[in-house]
Amino acid sequence: MSLDLMIERTSKFFRRCFGHAPRWVVAAPGRVNLIGEHTDYNDGFVLPMAIERYILIAGSPNSGPEVTLHSVTPGETATFSIRPKVEPGEPGWSNYVRGVIAGFPTPGKKLTAFDAVIESNLPYGGGLASSAALEVATATLLEAMTGQTLDRLRRRCCVSGPNTTLPACRAGSWTSSLPFSARRITRCYWTAAPARPPRWR
């Protein structure tokens, strides 16, 4: 299924769930490793590549105090408050979204609650970084909602939020950084140490 058809499909799911069209639809790709499997936690080198399979999030702000997420694939819904702070909860996949919200910088502007539908053609648990794609799509949605664009370092910190803020989540920092850079990268060897910049070749 093409990305355009997925956008249309996700928008229809959103309308069915919430009774109106979404204000935003964002997408993030999965990835495969050309070299470097299980090296992101050993300070090794990796060469990931984005693929044409995606996680999409359709979203709109709401006037209530809670975020409502509906994931089409498992057919589950998560509802949680973002005040005074985001807490981990069930279902487990929602913690990746919660963690990015908790780590998203909003200087001088409060993040509002929102409704969202999550759709994907990435196989869950298939080794294609579906959790990282969910983090990146969430960060992109929050950028659209707040009208700010994060620089690369802040993006990496933000999508590492589920790892550091909510211990239930695990995803390598390089994995979630790749989709942000996918349109710019021609070839790179990425060092997985979180405090170092990518090494270009």
Protein backbone atom coordinates (compact mmCIF):
# COMPACT_ATOMS: atom_id res chain seq x y z
CA MET A 1 0.00 0.00 0.00
CA SER A 2 1.37 3.41 -0.95
CA LEU A 3 1.94 6.14 1.62
CA ASP A 4 -0.83 8.26 0.06
CA LEU A 5 -3.33 5.42 0.45
CA MET A 6 -2.18 4.86 4.03
CA ILE A 7 -2.75 8.55 4.80
CA GLU A 8 -6.27 8.31 3.39
CA ARG A 9 -6.94 5.09 5.32
CA THR A 10 -5.61 6.49 8.61
CA SER A 11 -7.68 9.66 8.18
CA LYS A 12 -10.80 7.53 7.70
CA PHE A 13 -10.03 5.56 10.87
CA PHE A 14 -9.62 8.83 12.75
CA ARG A 15 -12.95 10.16 11.51
CA ARG A 16 -14.61 6.90 12.51
CA CYS A 17 -13.14 7.10 16.03
CA PHE A 18 -13.57 10.79 16.77
CA GLY A 19 -16.27 12.02 14.40
CA HIS A 20 -14.22 14.57 12.46
CA ALA A 21 -11.18 14.77 10.17
CA PRO A 22 -7.69 14.90 11.69
CA ARG A 23 -5.78 18.15 11.66
CA TRP A 24 -2.43 16.45 11.02
CA VAL A 25 -1.19 13.13 9.62
CA VAL A 26 2.49 12.30 10.13
CA ALA A 27 4.56 9.28 9.11
CA ALA A 28 7.88 7.68 10.05
CA PRO A 29 9.60 4.79 8.24
CA GLY A 30 10.95 1.55 9.60
CA ARG A 31 14.53 0.45 8.94
CA VAL A 32 16.79 -2.48 8.20
CA ASN A 33 20.47 -2.88 9.09
CA LEU A 34 22.92 -3.32 6.24
CA ILE A 35 25.66 -3.88 8.82
CA GLY A 36 25.78 -3.76 12.59
CA GLU A 37 23.19 -5.87 14.38
CA HIS A 38 23.15 -5.64 18.22
CA THR A 39 25.89 -3.00 18.23
CA ASP A 40 23.86 0.01 19.38
CA TYR A 41 24.53 -0.87 23.02
CA ASN A 42 28.19 -1.87 22.47
CA ASP A 43 29.55 1.41 21.05
CA GLY A 44 29.84 -0.18 17.62
CA PHE A 45 29.17 0.97 14.08
CA VAL A 46 25.92 0.52 12.22
CA LEU A 47 24.66 1.21 8.72
CA PRO A 48 20.86 1.35 8.85
CA MET A 49 18.60 2.11 5.91
CA ALA A 50 15.05 3.46 5.97
CA ILE A 51 12.44 1.36 4.15
CA GLU A 52 9.10 2.15 2.53
CA ARG A 53 7.01 0.79 5.38
CA TYR A 54 5.60 3.23 7.87
CA ILE A 55 3.86 4.09 11.07
CA LEU A 56 1.33 6.88 10.65
CA ILE A 57 -0.35 9.00 13.29
CA ALA A 58 -3.44 11.08 12.53
CA GLY A 59 -4.10 13.62 15.26
CA SER A 60 -6.04 16.67 16.39
CA PRO A 61 -5.99 18.71 19.59
CA ASN A 62 -8.86 18.28 22.01
CA SER A 63 -10.27 20.54 24.70
CA GLY A 64 -10.09 17.97 27.47
CA PRO A 65 -7.36 17.06 29.97
CA GLU A 66 -6.42 13.69 28.44
CA VAL A 67 -4.68 12.23 25.43
CA THR A 68 -6.61 9.47 23.67
CA LEU A 69 -4.69 7.09 21.41
CA HIS A 70 -6.24 4.35 19.32
CA SER A 71 -3.96 1.83 17.62
CA VAL A 72 -5.56 0.11 14.65
CA THR A 73 -3.27 -2.95 14.57
CA PRO A 74 -4.01 -4.35 18.06
CA GLY A 75 -7.39 -2.60 18.24
CA GLU A 76 -6.50 -1.04 21.60
CA THR A 77 -7.09 2.41 23.07
CA ALA A 78 -5.00 4.25 25.65
CA THR A 79 -6.16 7.30 27.59
CA PHE A 80 -3.87 9.26 29.91
CA SER A 81 -3.32 12.73 31.34
CA ILE A 82 -0.31 14.91 30.55
CA ARG A 83 -0.75 16.98 33.74
CA PRO A 84 1.07 17.25 36.07
CA LYS A 85 3.34 14.72 34.34
CA VAL A 86 3.05 11.72 32.04
CA GLU A 87 3.07 8.35 33.80
CA PRO A 88 3.68 4.88 32.32
CA GLY A 89 0.65 2.68 31.83
CA GLU A 90 -1.20 0.14 29.73
CA PRO A 91 -1.32 -0.93 26.98
CA GLY A 92 2.45 -1.28 26.76
CA TRP A 93 2.86 0.24 23.28
CA SER A 94 1.46 3.53 24.56
CA ASN A 95 4.56 4.02 26.72
CA TYR A 96 6.59 4.89 23.63
CA VAL A 97 4.19 7.77 22.95
CA ARG A 98 4.04 8.74 26.62
CA GLY A 99 7.84 8.82 26.86
CA VAL A 100 8.25 11.12 23.87
CA ILE A 101 5.60 13.47 25.29
CA ALA A 102 7.41 13.48 28.64
CA GLY A 103 10.73 14.34 26.96
CA PHE A 104 9.43 16.87 24.44
CA PRO A 105 10.73 20.42 25.12
CA THR A 106 8.00 23.07 25.18
CA PRO A 107 9.66 26.32 26.28
CA GLY A 108 7.07 28.99 27.00
CA LYS A 109 4.20 26.90 25.65
CA LYS A 110 2.15 24.15 27.23
CA LEU A 111 1.47 21.02 25.25
CA THR A 112 -2.27 20.48 24.84
CA ALA A 113 -4.05 17.14 25.01
CA PHE A 114 -4.92 15.49 21.72
CA ASP A 115 -6.70 12.59 20.04
CA ALA A 116 -4.78 10.29 17.70
CA VAL A 117 -5.10 7.16 15.60
CA ILE A 118 -2.01 5.03 14.93
CA GLU A 119 -1.81 2.89 11.79
CA SER A 120 1.10 0.85 10.47
CA ASN A 121 2.23 -1.58 7.81
CA LEU A 122 5.36 -2.41 9.83
CA PRO A 123 5.14 -5.89 11.38
CA TYR A 124 5.13 -5.61 15.17
CA GLY A 125 8.26 -7.21 16.63
CA GLY A 126 9.65 -7.92 13.17
CA GLY A 127 13.04 -6.25 13.70
CA LEU A 128 12.16 -3.26 11.52
CA ALA A 129 12.22 -0.65 14.32
CA SER A 130 8.47 -0.25 14.68
CA SER A 131 8.86 1.12 18.21
CA ALA A 132 11.43 3.70 17.04
CA ALA A 133 9.17 4.70 14.14
CA LEU A 134 6.35 5.22 16.63
CA GLU A 135 8.61 7.47 18.71
CA VAL A 136 9.68 9.50 15.68
CA ALA A 137 6.12 9.86 14.38
CA THR A 138 5.04 11.04 17.84
CA ALA A 139 7.81 13.64 17.97
CA THR A 140 6.87 14.85 14.48
CA LEU A 141 3.22 15.20 15.54
CA LEU A 142 4.26 17.20 18.60
CA GLU A 143 6.38 19.47 16.39
CA ALA A 144 3.31 20.15 14.24
CA MET A 145 1.12 20.75 17.29
CA THR A 146 3.51 23.21 18.92
CA GLY A 147 4.76 24.89 15.74
CA GLN A 148 8.40 24.27 16.56
CA THR A 149 11.11 22.33 14.77
CA LEU A 150 13.67 20.57 16.93
CA ASP A 151 17.32 20.47 15.95
CA ARG A 152 18.98 17.07 15.57
CA LEU A 153 20.34 16.91 19.12
CA ARG A 154 17.00 17.81 20.71
CA ARG A 155 15.25 15.29 18.49
CA ARG A 156 17.61 12.53 19.61
CA CYS A 157 17.06 13.51 23.25
CA CYS A 158 13.32 13.61 22.71
CA VAL A 159 13.01 10.18 21.09
CA SER A 160 15.31 8.75 23.77
CA GLY A 161 12.70 9.86 26.29
CA PRO A 162 10.92 6.48 26.46
CA ASN A 163 14.25 4.83 27.36
CA THR A 164 15.17 7.30 30.11
CA THR A 165 11.80 8.56 31.35
CA LEU A 166 9.73 5.39 31.18
CA PRO A 167 11.83 2.30 32.01
CA ALA A 168 9.30 -0.01 30.35
CA CYS A 169 10.48 1.11 26.91
CA ARG A 170 13.63 0.07 25.08
CA ALA A 171 14.82 1.35 21.68
CA GLY A 172 18.34 2.25 20.56
CA SER A 173 19.08 5.95 20.15
CA TRP A 174 20.55 5.50 16.66
CA THR A 175 17.48 3.52 15.59
CA SER A 176 15.11 6.37 16.32
CA SER A 177 17.50 8.97 14.90
CA LEU A 178 17.59 7.35 11.46
CA PRO A 179 14.08 8.24 10.26
CA PHE A 180 14.67 11.92 11.08
CA SER A 181 17.68 11.87 8.74
CA ALA A 182 16.41 9.45 6.11
CA ARG A 183 15.75 12.05 3.42
CA ARG A 184 19.20 13.59 3.82
CA ILE A 185 21.45 10.56 4.18
CA THR A 186 23.21 9.16 1.13
CA ARG A 187 25.71 6.98 2.96
CA CYS A 188 26.92 6.95 6.54
CA TYR A 189 28.42 4.77 9.22
CA TRP A 190 26.71 5.65 12.45
CA THR A 191 28.43 5.24 15.77
CA ALA A 192 25.97 4.07 18.36
CA ALA A 193 27.44 5.84 21.39
CA PRO A 194 24.64 8.22 22.45
CA ALA A 195 26.91 11.16 23.37
CA ARG A 196 28.78 11.26 20.04
CA PRO A 197 27.77 12.69 16.66
CA PRO A 198 27.39 10.42 13.60
CA ARG A 199 30.60 9.64 11.75
CA TRP A 200 30.23 10.32 8.06
CA ARG A 201 32.17 8.49 5.39
